[in-house]
PDB file of N, CA and C in Angstrom:
ATOM      1  N   MET A   1     -73.842  36.189 -48.793  1.00  0.00           N
ATOM      2  CA  MET A   1     -72.490  36.177 -49.328  1.00  0.00           C
ATOM      3  C   MET A   1     -71.468  36.555 -48.252  1.00  0.00           C
ATOM      4  N   ALA A   2     -71.791  37.543 -47.428  1.00  0.00           N
ATOM      5  CA  ALA A   2     -70.868  37.966 -46.382  1.00  0.00           C
ATOM      6  C   ALA A   2     -70.624  36.836 -45.392  1.00  0.00           C
ATOM      7  N   ARG A   3     -71.662  36.087 -45.026  1.00  0.00           N
ATOM      8  CA  ARG A   3     -71.518  34.978 -44.098  1.00  0.00           C
ATOM      9  C   ARG A   3     -70.619  33.897 -44.710  1.00  0.00           C
ATOM     10  N   PHE A   4     -70.765  33.652 -46.008  1.00  0.00           N
ATOM     11  CA  PHE A   4     -69.929  32.676 -46.704  1.00  0.00           C
ATOM     12  C   PHE A   4     -68.455  33.067 -46.600  1.00  0.00           C
ATOM     13  N   CYS A   5     -68.159  34.356 -46.839  1.00  0.00           N
ATOM     14  CA  CYS A   5     -66.772  34.835 -46.771  1.00  0.00           C
ATOM     15  C   CYS A   5     -66.232  34.757 -45.352  1.00  0.00           C
ATOM     16  N   LEU A   6     -67.054  35.069 -44.366  1.00  0.00           N
ATOM     17  CA  LEU A   6     -66.594  35.026 -42.982  1.00  0.00           C
ATOM     18  C   LEU A   6     -66.238  33.614 -42.543  1.00  0.00           C
ATOM     19  N   ILE A   7     -66.898  32.629 -43.100  1.00  0.00           N
ATOM     20  CA  ILE A   7     -66.606  31.240 -42.757  1.00  0.00           C
ATOM     21  C   ILE A   7     -65.498  30.684 -43.636  1.00  0.00           C
ATOM     22  N   THR A   8     -65.523  30.998 -44.911  1.00  0.00           N
ATOM     23  CA  THR A   8     -64.587  30.415 -45.867  1.00  0.00           C
ATOM     24  C   THR A   8     -63.160  30.928 -45.676  1.00  0.00           C
ATOM     25  N   ILE A   9     -62.989  32.202 -45.471  1.00  0.00           N
ATOM     26  CA  ILE A   9     -61.640  32.766 -45.374  1.00  0.00           C
ATOM     27  C   ILE A   9     -60.879  32.200 -44.172  1.00  0.00           C
ATOM     28  N   PRO A  10     -61.454  32.195 -42.953  1.00  0.00           N
ATOM     29  CA  PRO A  10     -60.697  31.576 -41.845  1.00  0.00           C
ATOM     30  C   PRO A  10     -60.446  30.090 -42.059  1.00  0.00           C
ATOM     31  N   LEU A  11     -61.401  29.385 -42.641  1.00  0.00           N
ATOM     32  CA  LEU A  11     -61.215  27.965 -42.910  1.00  0.00           C
ATOM     33  C   LEU A  11     -60.085  27.750 -43.908  1.00  0.00           C
ATOM     34  N   LEU A  12     -60.050  28.557 -44.953  1.00  0.00           N
ATOM     35  CA  LEU A  12     -58.982  28.476 -45.947  1.00  0.00           C
ATOM     36  C   LEU A  12     -57.635  28.755 -45.293  1.00  0.00           C
ATOM     37  N   PHE A  13     -57.582  29.745 -44.407  1.00  0.00           N
ATOM     38  CA  PHE A  13     -56.350  30.059 -43.689  1.00  0.00           C
ATOM     39  C   PHE A  13     -55.885  28.863 -42.867  1.00  0.00           C
ATOM     40  N   LEU A  14     -56.774  28.228 -42.132  1.00  0.00           N
ATOM     41  CA  LEU A  14     -56.406  27.068 -41.321  1.00  0.00           C
ATOM     42  C   LEU A  14     -55.915  25.912 -42.173  1.00  0.00           C
ATOM     43  N   ILE A  15     -56.554  25.704 -43.296  1.00  0.00           N
ATOM     44  CA  ILE A  15     -56.155  24.605 -44.178  1.00  0.00           C
ATOM     45  C   ILE A  15     -54.782  24.866 -44.775  1.00  0.00           C
ATOM     46  N   THR A  16     -54.553  26.073 -45.284  1.00  0.00           N
ATOM     47  CA  THR A  16     -53.290  26.356 -45.968  1.00  0.00           C
ATOM     48  C   THR A  16     -52.130  26.519 -45.010  1.00  0.00           C
ATOM     49  N   THR A  17     -52.365  27.031 -43.797  1.00  0.00           N
ATOM     50  CA  THR A  17     -51.237  27.198 -42.880  1.00  0.00           C
ATOM     51  C   THR A  17     -50.737  25.871 -42.350  1.00  0.00           C
ATOM     52  N   GLY A  18     -51.556  24.851 -42.342  1.00  0.00           N
ATOM     53  CA  GLY A  18     -51.125  23.554 -41.863  1.00  0.00           C
ATOM     54  C   GLY A  18     -50.424  22.723 -42.916  1.00  0.00           C
ATOM     55  N   CYS A  19     -50.424  23.169 -44.163  1.00  0.00           N
ATOM     56  CA  CYS A  19     -49.851  22.382 -45.252  1.00  0.00           C
ATOM     57  C   CYS A  19     -48.327  22.356 -45.214  1.00  0.00           C
ATOM     58  N   PHE A  20     -47.714  23.446 -44.856  1.00  0.00           N
ATOM     59  CA  PHE A  20     -46.263  23.532 -44.894  1.00  0.00           C
ATOM     60  C   PHE A  20     -45.748  24.122 -43.592  1.00  0.00           C
ATOM     61  N   ASP A  21     -44.825  23.423 -42.973  1.00  0.00           N
ATOM     62  CA  ASP A  21     -44.149  24.000 -41.831  1.00  0.00           C
ATOM     63  C   ASP A  21     -43.028  24.865 -42.365  1.00  0.00           C
ATOM     64  N   PRO A  22     -42.821  26.036 -41.780  1.00  0.00           N
ATOM     65  CA  PRO A  22     -41.748  26.894 -42.267  1.00  0.00           C
ATOM     66  C   PRO A  22     -40.382  26.273 -42.006  1.00  0.00           C
ATOM     67  N   ALA A  23     -39.439  26.669 -42.808  1.00  0.00           N
ATOM     68  CA  ALA A  23     -38.051  26.236 -42.661  1.00  0.00           C
ATOM     69  C   ALA A  23     -37.203  27.471 -42.371  1.00  0.00           C
ATOM     70  N   ARG A  24     -36.034  27.251 -41.813  1.00  0.00           N
ATOM     71  CA  ARG A  24     -35.149  28.369 -41.531  1.00  0.00           C
ATOM     72  C   ARG A  24     -33.838  28.201 -42.282  1.00  0.00           C
ATOM     73  N   ILE A  25     -33.412  29.292 -42.888  1.00  0.00           N
ATOM     74  CA  ILE A  25     -32.067  29.377 -43.452  1.00  0.00           C
ATOM     75  C   ILE A  25     -31.268  30.186 -42.442  1.00  0.00           C
ATOM     76  N   ILE A  26     -30.201  29.610 -41.930  1.00  0.00           N
ATOM     77  CA  ILE A  26     -29.361  30.290 -40.951  1.00  0.00           C
ATOM     78  C   ILE A  26     -28.021  30.574 -41.613  1.00  0.00           C
ATOM     79  N   ILE A  27     -27.699  31.849 -41.721  1.00  0.00           N
ATOM     80  CA  ILE A  27     -26.451  32.257 -42.369  1.00  0.00           C
ATOM     81  C   ILE A  27     -25.519  32.806 -41.295  1.00  0.00           C
ATOM     82  N   THR A  28     -24.315  32.235 -41.221  1.00  0.00           N
ATOM     83  CA  THR A  28     -23.309  32.672 -40.260  1.00  0.00           C
ATOM     84  C   THR A  28     -22.132  33.273 -41.016  1.00  0.00           C
ATOM     85  N   ASN A  29     -21.700  34.440 -40.576  1.00  0.00           N
ATOM     86  CA  ASN A  29     -20.553  35.105 -41.194  1.00  0.00           C
ATOM     87  C   ASN A  29     -19.270  34.531 -40.619  1.00  0.00           C
ATOM     88  N   ASP A  30     -18.593  33.704 -41.407  1.00  0.00           N
ATOM     89  CA  ASP A  30     -17.281  33.168 -41.048  1.00  0.00           C
ATOM     90  C   ASP A  30     -16.211  33.717 -41.997  1.00  0.00           C
ATOM     91  N   LEU A  31     -16.389  34.984 -42.394  1.00  0.00           N
ATOM     92  CA  LEU A  31     -15.469  35.607 -43.354  1.00  0.00           C
ATOM     93  C   LEU A  31     -14.280  36.294 -42.684  1.00  0.00           C
ATOM     94  N   GLU A  32     -14.033  35.995 -41.439  1.00  0.00           N
ATOM     95  CA  GLU A  32     -12.882  36.488 -40.689  1.00  0.00           C
ATOM     96  C   GLU A  32     -12.917  37.998 -40.488  1.00  0.00           C
ATOM     97  N   ASP A  33     -12.460  38.789 -41.451  1.00  0.00           N
ATOM     98  CA  ASP A  33     -12.356  40.239 -41.261  1.00  0.00           C
ATOM     99  C   ASP A  33     -13.308  41.026 -42.167  1.00  0.00           C
ATOM    100  N   ARG A  34     -14.329  40.379 -42.702  1.00  0.00           N
ATOM    101  CA  ARG A  34     -15.267  41.059 -43.614  1.00  0.00           C
ATOM    102  C   ARG A  34     -16.681  40.991 -43.055  1.00  0.00           C
ATOM    103  N   ASN A  35     -17.393  42.091 -43.193  1.00  0.00           N
ATOM    104  CA  ASN A  35     -18.805  42.141 -42.820  1.00  0.00           C
ATOM    105  C   ASN A  35     -19.659  41.730 -44.007  1.00  0.00           C
ATOM    106  N   ILE A  36     -20.798  41.120 -43.725  1.00  0.00           N
ATOM    107  CA  ILE A  36     -21.779  40.844 -44.776  1.00  0.00           C
ATOM    108  C   ILE A  36     -22.760  42.005 -44.787  1.00  0.00           C
ATOM    109  N   GLU A  37     -22.911  42.631 -45.958  1.00  0.00           N
ATOM    110  CA  GLU A  37     -23.772  43.808 -46.066  1.00  0.00           C
ATOM    111  C   GLU A  37     -25.120  43.510 -46.701  1.00  0.00           C
ATOM    112  N   CYS A  38     -25.223  42.456 -47.494  1.00  0.00           N
ATOM    113  CA  CYS A  38     -26.488  42.111 -48.144  1.00  0.00           C
ATOM    114  C   CYS A  38     -26.655  40.601 -48.146  1.00  0.00           C
ATOM    115  N   ILE A  39     -27.900  40.168 -47.968  1.00  0.00           N
ATOM    116  CA  ILE A  39     -28.251  38.753 -48.079  1.00  0.00           C
ATOM    117  C   ILE A  39     -29.499  38.672 -48.947  1.00  0.00           C
ATOM    118  N   TYR A  40     -29.391  37.921 -50.024  1.00  0.00           N
ATOM    119  CA  TYR A  40     -30.517  37.756 -50.939  1.00  0.00           C
ATOM    120  C   TYR A  40     -30.941  36.296 -50.975  1.00  0.00           C
ATOM    121  N   VAL A  41     -32.227  36.068 -50.874  1.00  0.00           N
ATOM    122  CA  VAL A  41     -32.789  34.721 -50.979  1.00  0.00           C
ATOM    123  C   VAL A  41     -33.926  34.812 -51.974  1.00  0.00           C
ATOM    124  N   SER A  42     -33.858  34.018 -53.020  1.00  0.00           N
ATOM    125  CA  SER A  42     -34.941  34.024 -54.002  1.00  0.00           C
ATOM    126  C   SER A  42     -35.263  32.604 -54.418  1.00  0.00           C
ATOM    127  N   SER A  43     -36.472  32.418 -54.852  1.00  0.00           N
ATOM    128  CA  SER A  43     -36.887  31.118 -55.353  1.00  0.00           C
ATOM    129  C   SER A  43     -35.985  30.733 -56.512  1.00  0.00           C
ATOM    130  N   GLY A  44     -35.668  29.460 -56.609  1.00  0.00           N
ATOM    131  CA  GLY A  44     -34.802  28.989 -57.681  1.00  0.00           C
ATOM    132  C   GLY A  44     -35.360  29.245 -59.062  1.00  0.00           C
ATOM    133  N   SER A  45     -36.658  29.523 -59.164  1.00  0.00           N
ATOM    134  CA  SER A  45     -37.284  29.780 -60.459  1.00  0.00           C
ATOM    135  C   SER A  45     -37.285  31.260 -60.832  1.00  0.00           C
ATOM    136  N   GLU A  46     -36.829  32.127 -59.938  1.00  0.00           N
ATOM    137  CA  GLU A  46     -36.818  33.571 -60.195  1.00  0.00           C
ATOM    138  C   GLU A  46     -35.564  33.980 -60.963  1.00  0.00           C
ATOM    139  N   ASP A  47     -35.690  35.054 -61.740  1.00  0.00           N
ATOM    140  CA  ASP A  47     -34.553  35.590 -62.487  1.00  0.00           C
ATOM    141  C   ASP A  47     -33.850  36.736 -61.769  1.00  0.00           C
ATOM    142  N   GLU A  48     -34.481  37.279 -60.716  1.00  0.00           N
ATOM    143  CA  GLU A  48     -33.919  38.414 -59.993  1.00  0.00           C
ATOM    144  C   GLU A  48     -33.816  38.085 -58.512  1.00  0.00           C
ATOM    145  N   TRP A  49     -32.926  38.802 -57.815  1.00  0.00           N
ATOM    146  CA  TRP A  49     -32.693  38.530 -56.416  1.00  0.00           C
ATOM    147  C   TRP A  49     -33.777  39.073 -55.499  1.00  0.00           C
ATOM    148  N   GLY A  50     -34.363  40.183 -55.816  1.00  0.00           N
ATOM    149  CA  GLY A  50     -35.364  40.756 -54.912  1.00  0.00           C
ATOM    150  C   GLY A  50     -34.707  41.624 -53.859  1.00  0.00           C
ATOM    151  N   ILE A  51     -35.345  41.721 -52.679  1.00  0.00           N
ATOM    152  CA  ILE A  51     -34.870  42.659 -51.660  1.00  0.00           C
ATOM    153  C   ILE A  51     -33.819  42.018 -50.755  1.00  0.00           C
ATOM    154  N   ASN A  52     -33.032  42.887 -50.138  1.00  0.00           N
ATOM    155  CA  ASN A  52     -32.017  42.476 -49.178  1.00  0.00           C
ATOM    156  C   ASN A  52     -32.717  41.982 -47.912  1.00  0.00           C
ATOM    157  N   SER A  53     -32.356  40.819 -47.423  1.00  0.00           N
ATOM    158  CA  SER A  53     -32.968  40.266 -46.214  1.00  0.00           C
ATOM    159  C   SER A  53     -32.428  40.886 -44.933  1.00  0.00           C
ATOM    160  N   LEU A  54     -31.321  41.611 -45.014  1.00  0.00           N
ATOM    161  CA  LEU A  54     -30.816  42.335 -43.850  1.00  0.00           C
ATOM    162  C   LEU A  54     -31.534  43.673 -43.743  1.00  0.00           C
ATOM    163  N   PRO A  55     -31.900  44.078 -42.541  1.00  0.00           N
ATOM    164  CA  PRO A  55     -32.468  45.428 -42.398  1.00  0.00           C
ATOM    165  C   PRO A  55     -31.468  46.466 -42.903  1.00  0.00           C
ATOM    166  N   GLU A  56     -31.967  47.580 -43.380  1.00  0.00           N
ATOM    167  CA  GLU A  56     -31.126  48.604 -44.010  1.00  0.00           C
ATOM    168  C   GLU A  56     -29.970  49.064 -43.127  1.00  0.00           C
ATOM    169  N   TRP A  57     -30.163  49.122 -41.862  1.00  0.00           N
ATOM    170  CA  TRP A  57     -29.158  49.632 -40.924  1.00  0.00           C
ATOM    171  C   TRP A  57     -28.233  48.554 -40.384  1.00  0.00           C
ATOM    172  N   LYS A  58     -28.423  47.307 -40.776  1.00  0.00           N
ATOM    173  CA  LYS A  58     -27.712  46.182 -40.170  1.00  0.00           C
ATOM    174  C   LYS A  58     -26.664  45.600 -41.112  1.00  0.00           C
ATOM    175  N   VAL A  59     -25.523  45.233 -40.552  1.00  0.00           N
ATOM    176  CA  VAL A  59     -24.539  44.398 -41.243  1.00  0.00           C
ATOM    177  C   VAL A  59     -24.315  43.178 -40.364  1.00  0.00           C
ATOM    178  N   LEU A  60     -23.870  42.095 -40.974  1.00  0.00           N
ATOM    179  CA  LEU A  60     -23.592  40.870 -40.235  1.00  0.00           C
ATOM    180  C   LEU A  60     -22.086  40.820 -39.980  1.00  0.00           C
ATOM    181  N   LEU A  61     -21.699  41.059 -38.745  1.00  0.00           N
ATOM    182  CA  LEU A  61     -20.288  41.071 -38.370  1.00  0.00           C
ATOM    183  C   LEU A  61     -19.753  39.641 -38.315  1.00  0.00           C
ATOM    184  N   PRO A  62     -18.425  39.464 -38.417  1.00  0.00           N
ATOM    185  CA  PRO A  62     -17.859  38.121 -38.303  1.00  0.00           C
ATOM    186  C   PRO A  62     -18.324  37.444 -37.013  1.00  0.00           C
ATOM    187  N   GLY A  63     -18.774  36.202 -37.153  1.00  0.00           N
ATOM    188  CA  GLY A  63     -19.269  35.434 -36.023  1.00  0.00           C
ATOM    189  C   GLY A  63     -20.764  35.565 -35.783  1.00  0.00           C
ATOM    190  N   GLU A  64     -21.415  36.558 -36.374  1.00  0.00           N
ATOM    191  CA  GLU A  64     -22.855  36.731 -36.189  1.00  0.00           C
ATOM    192  C   GLU A  64     -23.634  35.879 -37.181  1.00  0.00           C
ATOM    193  N   SER A  65     -24.893  35.600 -36.823  1.00  0.00           N
ATOM    194  CA  SER A  65     -25.779  34.806 -37.675  1.00  0.00           C
ATOM    195  C   SER A  65     -27.094  35.527 -37.882  1.00  0.00           C
ATOM    196  N   LEU A  66     -27.775  35.155 -38.949  1.00  0.00           N
ATOM    197  CA  LEU A  66     -29.109  35.670 -39.249  1.00  0.00           C
ATOM    198  C   LEU A  66     -29.979  34.500 -39.661  1.00  0.00           C
ATOM    199  N   GLU A  67     -31.203  34.470 -39.144  1.00  0.00           N
ATOM    200  CA  GLU A  67     -32.171  33.441 -39.517  1.00  0.00           C
ATOM    201  C   GLU A  67     -33.211  34.040 -40.455  1.00  0.00           C
ATOM    202  N   ILE A  68     -33.504  33.333 -41.527  1.00  0.00           N
ATOM    203  CA  ILE A  68     -34.517  33.745 -42.486  1.00  0.00           C
ATOM    204  C   ILE A  68     -35.523  32.609 -42.584  1.00  0.00           C
ATOM    205  N   THR A  69     -36.795  32.916 -42.365  1.00  0.00           N
ATOM    206  CA  THR A  69     -37.837  31.906 -42.416  1.00  0.00           C
ATOM    207  C   THR A  69     -38.429  31.864 -43.818  1.00  0.00           C
ATOM    208  N   VAL A  70     -38.519  30.665 -44.373  1.00  0.00           N
ATOM    209  CA  VAL A  70     -39.053  30.464 -45.726  1.00  0.00           C
ATOM    210  C   VAL A  70     -39.952  29.231 -45.726  1.00  0.00           C
ATOM    211  N   LEU A  71     -40.719  29.087 -46.768  1.00  0.00           N
ATOM    212  CA  LEU A  71     -41.467  27.860 -46.980  1.00  0.00           C
ATOM    213  C   LEU A  71     -40.557  26.852 -47.682  1.00  0.00           C
ATOM    214  N   PRO A  72     -40.735  25.576 -47.430  1.00  0.00           N
ATOM    215  CA  PRO A  72     -39.916  24.580 -48.114  1.00  0.00           C
ATOM    216  C   PRO A  72     -40.004  24.749 -49.637  1.00  0.00           C
ATOM    217  N   ASP A  73     -38.866  24.815 -50.273  1.00  0.00           N
ATOM    218  CA  ASP A  73     -38.788  25.019 -51.719  1.00  0.00           C
ATOM    219  C   ASP A  73     -37.313  24.959 -52.104  1.00  0.00           C
ATOM    220  N   THR A  74     -37.015  25.301 -53.335  1.00  0.00           N
ATOM    221  CA  THR A  74     -35.638  25.395 -53.807  1.00  0.00           C
ATOM    222  C   THR A  74     -35.283  26.874 -53.917  1.00  0.00           C
ATOM    223  N   TYR A  75     -34.145  27.248 -53.357  1.00  0.00           N
ATOM    224  CA  TYR A  75     -33.757  28.658 -53.289  1.00  0.00           C
ATOM    225  C   TYR A  75     -32.337  28.878 -53.786  1.00  0.00           C
ATOM    226  N   ASP A  76     -32.101  30.096 -54.285  1.00  0.00           N
ATOM    227  CA  ASP A  76     -30.765  30.610 -54.536  1.00  0.00           C
ATOM    228  C   ASP A  76     -30.482  31.570 -53.390  1.00  0.00           C
ATOM    229  N   ILE A  77     -29.269  31.524 -52.862  1.00  0.00           N
ATOM    230  CA  ILE A  77     -28.899  32.376 -51.733  1.00  0.00           C
ATOM    231  C   ILE A  77     -27.587  33.068 -52.092  1.00  0.00           C
ATOM    232  N   GLN A  78     -27.554  34.389 -51.879  1.00  0.00           N
ATOM    233  CA  GLN A  78     -26.333  35.137 -52.168  1.00  0.00           C
ATOM    234  C   GLN A  78     -26.067  36.132 -51.045  1.00  0.00           C
ATOM    235  N   VAL A  79     -24.805  36.217 -50.633  1.00  0.00           N
ATOM    236  CA  VAL A  79     -24.398  37.255 -49.695  1.00  0.00           C
ATOM    237  C   VAL A  79     -23.348  38.124 -50.377  1.00  0.00           C
ATOM    238  N   VAL A  80     -23.297  39.382 -49.939  1.00  0.00           N
ATOM    239  CA  VAL A  80     -22.335  40.346 -50.476  1.00  0.00           C
ATOM    240  C   VAL A  80     -21.573  40.918 -49.286  1.00  0.00           C
ATOM    241  N   ASP A  81     -20.248  40.870 -49.354  1.00  0.00           N
ATOM    242  CA  ASP A  81     -19.451  41.399 -48.245  1.00  0.00           C
ATOM    243  C   ASP A  81     -19.180  42.890 -48.437  1.00  0.00           C
ATOM    244  N   ASP A  82     -18.467  43.480 -47.465  1.00  0.00           N
ATOM    245  CA  ASP A  82     -18.214  44.920 -47.482  1.00  0.00           C
ATOM    246  C   ASP A  82     -17.202  45.354 -48.543  1.00  0.00           C
ATOM    247  N   ARG A  83     -16.640  44.408 -49.274  1.00  0.00           N
ATOM    248  CA  ARG A  83     -15.746  44.724 -50.399  1.00  0.00           C
ATOM    249  C   ARG A  83     -16.436  44.511 -51.738  1.00  0.00           C
ATOM    250  N   GLY A  84     -17.717  44.115 -51.696  1.00  0.00           N
ATOM    251  CA  GLY A  84     -18.473  43.883 -52.921  1.00  0.00           C
ATOM    252  C   GLY A  84     -18.354  42.474 -53.471  1.00  0.00           C
ATOM    253  N   ASN A  85     -17.633  41.600 -52.775  1.00  0.00           N
ATOM    254  CA  ASN A  85     -17.510  40.207 -53.202  1.00  0.00           C
ATOM    255  C   ASN A  85     -18.826  39.473 -52.968  1.00  0.00           C
ATOM    256  N   THR A  86     -19.144  38.539 -53.866  1.00  0.00           N
ATOM    257  CA  THR A  86     -20.366  37.755 -53.712  1.00  0.00           C
ATOM    258  C   THR A  86     -20.036  36.300 -53.420  1.00  0.00           C
ATOM    259  N   TYR A  87     -20.951  35.664 -52.713  1.00  0.00           N
ATOM    260  CA  TYR A  87     -20.868  34.254 -52.342  1.00  0.00           C
ATOM    261  C   TYR A  87     -22.262  33.702 -52.612  1.00  0.00           C
ATOM    262  N   THR A  88     -22.365  32.696 -53.466  1.00  0.00           N
ATOM    263  CA  THR A  88     -23.679  32.265 -53.935  1.00  0.00           C
ATOM    264  C   THR A  88     -23.841  30.755 -53.844  1.00  0.00           C
ATOM    265  N   ILE A  89     -25.032  30.356 -53.417  1.00  0.00           N
ATOM    266  CA  ILE A  89     -25.450  28.959 -53.461  1.00  0.00           C
ATOM    267  C   ILE A  89     -26.644  28.896 -54.405  1.00  0.00           C
ATOM    268  N   TRP A  90     -26.580  28.039 -55.384  1.00  0.00           N
ATOM    269  CA  TRP A  90     -27.646  27.916 -56.384  1.00  0.00           C
ATOM    270  C   TRP A  90     -28.481  26.656 -56.122  1.00  0.00           C
ATOM    271  N   ASP A  91     -29.771  26.788 -56.350  1.00  0.00           N
ATOM    272  CA  ASP A  91     -30.705  25.650 -56.343  1.00  0.00           C
ATOM    273  C   ASP A  91     -30.572  24.765 -55.106  1.00  0.00           C
ATOM    274  N   ARG A  92     -30.590  25.381 -53.947  1.00  0.00           N
ATOM    275  CA  ARG A  92     -30.499  24.637 -52.687  1.00  0.00           C
ATOM    276  C   ARG A  92     -31.902  24.270 -52.223  1.00  0.00           C
ATOM    277  N   LYS A  93     -32.155  22.973 -52.093  1.00  0.00           N
ATOM    278  CA  LYS A  93     -33.456  22.502 -51.608  1.00  0.00           C
ATOM    279  C   LYS A  93     -33.515  22.732 -50.105  1.00  0.00           C
ATOM    280  N   ILE A  94     -34.524  23.495 -49.683  1.00  0.00           N
ATOM    281  CA  ILE A  94     -34.732  23.779 -48.273  1.00  0.00           C
ATOM    282  C   ILE A  94     -35.990  23.042 -47.841  1.00  0.00           C
ATOM    283  N   ALA A  95     -35.856  22.108 -46.930  1.00  0.00           N
ATOM    284  CA  ALA A  95     -36.990  21.327 -46.426  1.00  0.00           C
ATOM    285  C   ALA A  95     -37.414  21.902 -45.074  1.00  0.00           C
ATOM    286  N   GLU A  96     -38.179  21.134 -44.314  1.00  0.00           N
ATOM    287  CA  GLU A  96     -38.620  21.610 -43.008  1.00  0.00           C
ATOM    288  C   GLU A  96     -37.467  21.717 -42.018  1.00  0.00           C
ATOM    289  N   ASP A  97     -36.361  21.048 -42.314  1.00  0.00           N
ATOM    290  CA  ASP A  97     -35.183  21.137 -41.449  1.00  0.00           C
ATOM    291  C   ASP A  97     -34.494  22.483 -41.678  1.00  0.00           C
ATOM    292  N   ASP A  98     -33.730  22.905 -40.680  1.00  0.00           N
ATOM    293  CA  ASP A  98     -32.960  24.130 -40.838  1.00  0.00           C
ATOM    294  C   ASP A  98     -31.802  23.885 -41.797  1.00  0.00           C
ATOM    295  N   TYR A  99     -31.452  24.923 -42.552  1.00  0.00           N
ATOM    296  CA  TYR A  99     -30.275  24.861 -43.413  1.00  0.00           C
ATOM    297  C   TYR A  99     -29.271  25.880 -42.892  1.00  0.00           C
ATOM    298  N   LEU A 100     -28.094  25.440 -42.546  1.00  0.00           N
ATOM    299  CA  LEU A 100     -27.053  26.312 -42.024  1.00  0.00           C
ATOM    300  C   LEU A 100     -25.981  26.519 -43.085  1.00  0.00           C
ATOM    301  N   TRP A 101     -25.709  27.787 -43.386  1.00  0.00           N
ATOM    302  CA  TRP A 101     -24.615  28.120 -44.301  1.00  0.00           C
ATOM    303  C   TRP A 101     -23.622  28.978 -43.536  1.00  0.00           C
ATOM    304  N   GLU A 102     -22.461  28.430 -43.284  1.00  0.00           N
ATOM    305  CA  GLU A 102     -21.369  29.174 -42.680  1.00  0.00           C
ATOM    306  C   GLU A 102     -20.538  29.716 -43.832  1.00  0.00           C
ATOM    307  N   VAL A 103     -20.690  30.994 -44.120  1.00  0.00           N
ATOM    308  CA  VAL A 103     -20.041  31.612 -45.280  1.00  0.00           C
ATOM    309  C   VAL A 103     -18.555  31.772 -44.987  1.00  0.00           C
ATOM    310  N   LEU A 104     -17.733  31.105 -45.800  1.00  0.00           N
ATOM    311  CA  LEU A 104     -16.283  31.113 -45.633  1.00  0.00           C
ATOM    312  C   LEU A 104     -15.609  31.870 -46.789  1.00  0.00           C
ATOM    313  N   PRO A 105     -14.391  32.372 -46.576  1.00  0.00           N
ATOM    314  CA  PRO A 105     -13.673  33.036 -47.676  1.00  0.00           C
ATOM    315  C   PRO A 105     -13.562  32.141 -48.923  1.00  0.00           C
ATOM    316  N   ALA A 106     -13.454  30.841 -48.757  1.00  0.00           N
ATOM    317  CA  ALA A 106     -13.333  29.925 -49.895  1.00  0.00           C
ATOM    318  C   ALA A 106     -14.609  29.834 -50.716  1.00  0.00           C
ATOM    319  N   ASP A 107     -15.730  30.331 -50.192  1.00  0.00           N
ATOM    320  CA  ASP A 107     -17.007  30.282 -50.906  1.00  0.00           C
ATOM    321  C   ASP A 107     -17.180  31.407 -51.924  1.00  0.00           C
ATOM    322  N   ILE A 108     -16.185  32.275 -52.057  1.00  0.00           N
ATOM    323  CA  ILE A 108     -16.293  33.434 -52.942  1.00  0.00           C
ATOM    324  C   ILE A 108     -16.571  32.993 -54.381  1.00  0.00           C
ATOM    325  N   ASP A 109     -17.403  33.776 -55.079  1.00  0.00           N
ATOM    326  CA  ASP A 109     -17.745  33.464 -56.487  1.00  0.00           C
ATOM    327  C   ASP A 109     -16.571  33.758 -57.409  1.00  0.00           C
TER     328      ASP A 109
END
């Protein structure tokens, strides 16, 4: 049984890792004078946002970008600025290509 697991697990890993190439969501802060304090990315089928994709000590200053690696799927993406305003994209299909979101003041919810 142990020999079976030693062969099967690496083989399963090789098979599944080749199925999907990761995609990148690139978020750029174009909010002029506002920092982005939280970035949430969740599957379009989820009811909750989950954890903040920014490290706890980090904010996204105007002009800065953050890359988030995901598997191709449909996602909801939300950012929160330093005034508590939210900017949300719903049901965005993310393929193997990069998706760039330049968050603008006009994108406010």
